[in-house]
Amino acid sequence: MPDHTHSHDSHSESCDCDLLHLLNGVDEFARNVFPGDKELFRSLANFQAPHTLFITCADSRVSPELITQTRPGELFVCRNIGNIVPAYGEMLGGVSAVVEFAVLGLNVRQIVLCGHTDCGAMKGLADGPGATADMPTVQAWLRNAEAARSVVQIRGLSDEDQVVQALVEENVRLQLTHLRTHPAVAARVAQGLLQVQGWVYDIGHGTISVFDDTHGRFESLGSARARLLKDTTG
């Protein structure tokens, strides 16, 4: 009979080391980071006024504040598997509540929906239901991205990496459509009080591509910035 004691002990030691790593990080924050920004944290102690709702994947490689170089208090972040926003009424739950609260309660001015390269959720979607057969909750959740798979399938792509990347982009487009079905979002957008934008973050290159609604395609960061500056200056 195999002895699992050693592997179990090794796993426990690894968990202990990981927890210690986190606690050491908190200690570093309390000692060296917090004191340097004490006024900022004091101003945030009883009030928040984030300008942006940032919806992205739960993937550990995606760090919204790092990517956007924003400070505490600027982003209201919603993370889930596959940066999914169920259409209004489909799954009234955490994501819907976050969207509603961010728009109506916090009056955010922007919503950014950010996908990323090498997304495990999109890989699972590409592989079909069998890939997530042992994860029924994940499987049910990914049904909210099924339309993206249908669109990509008809393109006849054979390369797996191309399929996944196409799914990542198509999923951002789909979730933007879902997002606009939420009454709070639809109303604020119609009033000109809210902007919605879709991004894809390239993990390996540290770049962002931005979805251009007008032309229905993703564009470079430089092009998106130039377009926004043109709109701002008239």
Protein backbone atom coordinates (compact mmCIF):
# COMPACT_ATOMS: atom_id res chain seq x y z
CA MET A 1 0.00 0.00 0.00
CA PRO A 2 1.53 3.39 -1.00
CA ASP A 3 2.66 5.70 1.77
CA HIS A 4 0.98 9.09 1.30
CA THR A 5 2.28 10.45 4.60
CA HIS A 6 5.37 12.07 3.12
CA SER A 7 3.50 13.76 0.24
CA HIS A 8 0.81 14.96 2.66
CA ASP A 9 3.46 16.40 4.97
CA SER A 10 5.21 18.09 2.02
CA HIS A 11 1.93 19.64 0.91
CA SER A 12 1.26 20.91 4.43
CA GLU A 13 4.74 22.40 4.63
CA SER A 14 4.23 24.08 1.26
CA CYS A 15 0.90 25.54 2.42
CA ASP A 16 2.51 26.78 5.63
CA CYS A 17 5.29 28.44 3.61
CA ASP A 18 2.77 30.10 1.30
CA LEU A 19 0.74 31.42 4.24
CA LEU A 20 3.92 32.65 5.91
CA HIS A 21 4.85 34.40 2.65
CA LEU A 22 1.49 36.21 2.70
CA LEU A 23 1.83 37.17 6.36
CA ASN A 24 5.36 38.45 5.74
CA GLY A 25 3.95 40.55 2.91
CA VAL A 26 1.32 42.06 5.20
CA ASP A 27 4.03 42.85 7.74
CA GLU A 28 6.10 44.54 5.01
CA PHE A 29 3.04 46.57 3.97
CA ALA A 30 2.27 47.65 7.55
CA ARG A 31 5.86 48.59 8.33
CA ASN A 32 7.14 50.14 5.09
CA VAL A 33 4.33 50.83 2.60
CA PHE A 34 1.41 52.08 4.69
CA PRO A 35 3.40 54.77 6.57
CA GLY A 36 4.44 56.37 3.27
CA ASP A 37 0.82 56.68 2.14
CA LYS A 38 -0.84 57.29 5.48
CA GLU A 39 -2.79 60.32 4.26
CA LEU A 40 -4.20 58.41 1.30
CA PHE A 41 -5.39 55.55 3.47
CA ARG A 42 -6.81 57.96 6.04
CA SER A 43 -8.85 59.64 3.27
CA LEU A 44 -10.12 56.21 2.17
CA ALA A 45 -10.92 54.93 5.66
CA ASN A 46 -14.62 55.85 5.56
CA PHE A 47 -15.33 56.68 1.92
CA GLN A 48 -14.70 55.39 -1.60
CA ALA A 49 -15.25 57.08 -4.95
CA PRO A 50 -13.71 54.84 -7.64
CA HIS A 51 -13.89 56.21 -11.17
CA THR A 52 -13.88 52.79 -12.89
CA LEU A 53 -15.49 49.39 -12.53
CA PHE A 54 -12.85 46.94 -13.76
CA ILE A 55 -14.24 43.51 -14.67
CA THR A 56 -11.58 40.92 -15.36
CA CYS A 57 -10.62 37.27 -15.01
CA ALA A 58 -9.69 35.71 -11.68
CA ASP A 59 -6.42 34.53 -13.29
CA SER A 60 -3.54 35.13 -10.87
CA ARG A 61 -1.40 36.69 -13.62
CA VAL A 62 -3.80 39.59 -14.16
CA SER A 63 -3.26 42.46 -11.72
CA PRO A 64 -5.60 45.39 -12.56
CA GLU A 65 -3.90 47.99 -10.35
CA LEU A 66 -0.45 47.03 -11.64
CA ILE A 67 -1.49 47.03 -15.31
CA THR A 68 -3.25 50.41 -15.06
CA GLN A 69 -0.84 51.91 -12.51
CA THR A 70 -3.73 53.03 -10.34
CA ARG A 71 -3.82 53.72 -6.61
CA PRO A 72 -6.09 52.31 -3.90
CA GLY A 73 -9.56 53.83 -4.23
CA GLU A 74 -9.51 54.24 -8.03
CA LEU A 75 -10.76 50.85 -9.25
CA PHE A 76 -13.81 48.89 -8.15
CA VAL A 77 -12.73 45.40 -9.21
CA CYS A 78 -14.90 42.42 -10.13
CA ARG A 79 -13.10 39.15 -10.92
CA ASN A 80 -14.42 35.81 -12.04
CA ILE A 81 -13.57 32.84 -14.25
CA GLY A 82 -13.43 34.11 -17.84
CA ASN A 83 -14.33 37.78 -17.12
CA ILE A 84 -17.97 36.92 -17.70
CA VAL A 85 -21.00 39.17 -17.24
CA PRO A 86 -24.22 37.17 -17.57
CA ALA A 87 -26.95 38.96 -19.51
CA TYR A 88 -29.41 40.69 -17.18
CA GLY A 89 -31.90 38.19 -15.77
CA GLU A 90 -29.87 35.12 -16.79
CA MET A 91 -27.96 34.71 -13.53
CA LEU A 92 -28.81 37.39 -11.00
CA GLY A 93 -25.92 37.01 -8.61
CA GLY A 94 -22.57 38.44 -7.64
CA VAL A 95 -21.57 39.98 -10.97
CA SER A 96 -24.98 41.59 -11.56
CA ALA A 97 -24.96 43.01 -8.04
CA VAL A 98 -21.45 44.42 -8.50
CA VAL A 99 -22.42 46.10 -11.77
CA GLU A 100 -25.58 47.59 -10.27
CA PHE A 101 -23.84 48.84 -7.13
CA ALA A 102 -20.86 50.27 -9.01
CA VAL A 103 -23.07 52.20 -11.44
CA LEU A 104 -25.91 53.31 -9.18
CA GLY A 105 -24.26 53.29 -5.76
CA LEU A 106 -20.76 54.49 -6.59
CA ASN A 107 -21.47 56.39 -9.82
CA VAL A 108 -18.46 55.04 -11.67
CA ARG A 109 -17.77 56.83 -14.94
CA GLN A 110 -16.22 53.92 -16.82
CA ILE A 111 -16.52 50.17 -17.03
CA VAL A 112 -13.56 48.26 -18.42
CA LEU A 113 -14.08 44.61 -19.30
CA CYS A 114 -10.68 42.97 -19.62
CA GLY A 115 -9.86 39.54 -21.03
CA HIS A 116 -6.35 38.14 -21.36
CA THR A 117 -4.16 35.83 -23.41
CA ASP A 118 -3.75 32.15 -22.46
CA CYS A 119 -7.08 32.16 -20.63
CA GLY A 120 -7.87 28.80 -19.00
CA ALA A 121 -11.61 29.44 -19.22
CA MET A 122 -11.38 29.98 -22.97
CA LYS A 123 -9.22 26.86 -23.32
CA GLY A 124 -11.92 24.91 -21.51
CA LEU A 125 -14.55 26.43 -23.78
CA ALA A 126 -12.53 25.49 -26.86
CA ASP A 127 -12.15 21.88 -25.70
CA GLY A 128 -15.89 21.44 -25.18
CA PRO A 129 -17.97 20.18 -22.24
CA GLY A 130 -15.71 17.18 -21.63
CA ALA A 131 -12.87 19.44 -20.48
CA THR A 132 -14.88 20.61 -17.46
CA ALA A 133 -16.92 17.45 -16.84
CA ASP A 134 -15.55 17.14 -13.30
CA MET A 135 -16.28 20.83 -12.58
CA PRO A 136 -20.04 21.21 -13.07
CA THR A 137 -20.20 24.70 -11.59
CA VAL A 138 -17.48 25.95 -13.96
CA GLN A 139 -19.24 24.22 -16.85
CA ALA A 140 -22.53 25.95 -16.04
CA TRP A 141 -20.76 29.30 -15.69
CA LEU A 142 -19.05 28.97 -19.08
CA ARG A 143 -22.43 28.62 -20.80
CA ASN A 144 -22.49 32.42 -20.55
CA ALA A 145 -19.67 32.41 -23.13
CA GLU A 146 -21.11 29.73 -25.42
CA ALA A 147 -22.11 32.23 -28.12
CA ALA A 148 -18.43 33.24 -28.45
CA ARG A 149 -17.53 29.60 -29.16
CA SER A 150 -20.24 29.37 -31.82
CA VAL A 151 -18.87 32.46 -33.60
CA VAL A 152 -15.27 31.22 -33.51
CA GLN A 153 -16.22 27.69 -34.64
CA ILE A 154 -17.55 28.90 -38.00
CA ARG A 155 -14.20 30.53 -38.79
CA GLY A 156 -12.63 27.09 -39.27
CA LEU A 157 -9.42 27.85 -37.39
CA SER A 158 -7.20 24.79 -36.97
CA ASP A 159 -4.35 26.11 -34.80
CA GLU A 160 -5.19 25.72 -31.09
CA ASP A 161 -3.48 28.95 -30.04
CA GLN A 162 -5.37 30.88 -32.72
CA VAL A 163 -8.66 29.37 -31.55
CA VAL A 164 -8.02 30.34 -27.92
CA GLN A 165 -6.98 33.88 -28.84
CA ALA A 166 -10.03 34.27 -31.09
CA LEU A 167 -12.20 33.06 -28.22
CA VAL A 168 -10.57 35.52 -25.81
CA GLU A 169 -11.41 38.41 -28.14
CA GLU A 170 -14.88 37.19 -29.10
CA ASN A 171 -15.71 36.61 -25.44
CA VAL A 172 -14.85 40.23 -24.59
CA ARG A 173 -17.19 41.37 -27.37
CA LEU A 174 -19.94 39.05 -26.11
CA GLN A 175 -19.62 40.11 -22.48
CA LEU A 176 -19.74 43.78 -23.51
CA THR A 177 -23.06 42.99 -25.21
CA HIS A 178 -24.28 41.25 -22.04
CA LEU A 179 -23.13 44.18 -19.92
CA ARG A 180 -25.24 46.61 -21.93
CA THR A 181 -28.38 44.57 -21.15
CA HIS A 182 -28.15 45.62 -17.50
CA PRO A 183 -30.69 48.43 -16.92
CA ALA A 184 -28.35 50.58 -14.84
CA VAL A 185 -25.66 50.41 -17.53
CA ALA A 186 -28.07 51.01 -20.42
CA ALA A 187 -29.55 54.07 -18.72
CA ARG A 188 -26.24 55.71 -17.80
CA VAL A 189 -24.76 55.05 -21.24
CA ALA A 190 -27.83 56.59 -22.87
CA GLN A 191 -27.42 59.65 -20.64
CA GLY A 192 -23.77 60.00 -21.63
CA LEU A 193 -22.72 59.47 -18.00
CA LEU A 194 -20.98 56.12 -18.49
CA GLN A 195 -18.45 54.74 -20.95
CA VAL A 196 -17.87 51.04 -21.55
CA GLN A 197 -14.68 49.64 -23.03
CA GLY A 198 -13.29 46.17 -23.76
CA TRP A 199 -9.62 45.21 -23.40
CA VAL A 200 -7.42 42.19 -23.99
CA TYR A 201 -4.25 42.03 -21.88
CA ASP A 202 -1.27 40.22 -23.42
CA ILE A 203 0.47 38.61 -20.44
CA GLY A 204 3.72 37.79 -22.25
CA HIS A 205 4.20 41.23 -23.77
CA GLY A 206 2.62 43.51 -21.15
CA THR A 207 0.42 45.19 -23.74
CA ILE A 208 -3.28 46.02 -24.00
CA SER A 209 -5.46 45.98 -27.11
CA VAL A 210 -8.72 47.93 -27.00
CA PHE A 211 -11.99 47.07 -28.71
CA ASP A 212 -13.15 49.76 -31.11
CA ASP A 213 -16.96 49.64 -31.14
CA THR A 214 -17.24 51.79 -34.25
CA HIS A 215 -15.19 49.49 -36.47
CA GLY A 216 -15.81 46.24 -34.57
CA ARG A 217 -12.16 45.34 -34.10
CA PHE A 218 -9.37 45.46 -31.55
CA GLU A 219 -6.80 48.22 -31.91
CA SER A 220 -3.47 49.03 -30.33
CA LEU A 221 -3.16 51.11 -27.18
CA GLY A 222 -1.66 53.96 -29.22
CA SER A 223 -4.60 54.02 -31.64
CA ALA A 224 -7.13 53.91 -28.79
CA ARG A 225 -5.41 56.78 -26.97
CA ALA A 226 -5.27 58.87 -30.15
CA ARG A 227 -8.96 58.24 -30.80
CA LEU A 228 -9.91 59.25 -27.24
CA LEU A 229 -7.75 62.38 -27.39
CA LYS A 230 -9.40 63.34 -30.69
CA ASP A 231 -12.87 62.84 -29.16
CA THR A 232 -11.89 64.89 -26.10
CA THR A 233 -10.39 67.82 -27.99
CA GLY A 234 -13.10 67.76 -30.64
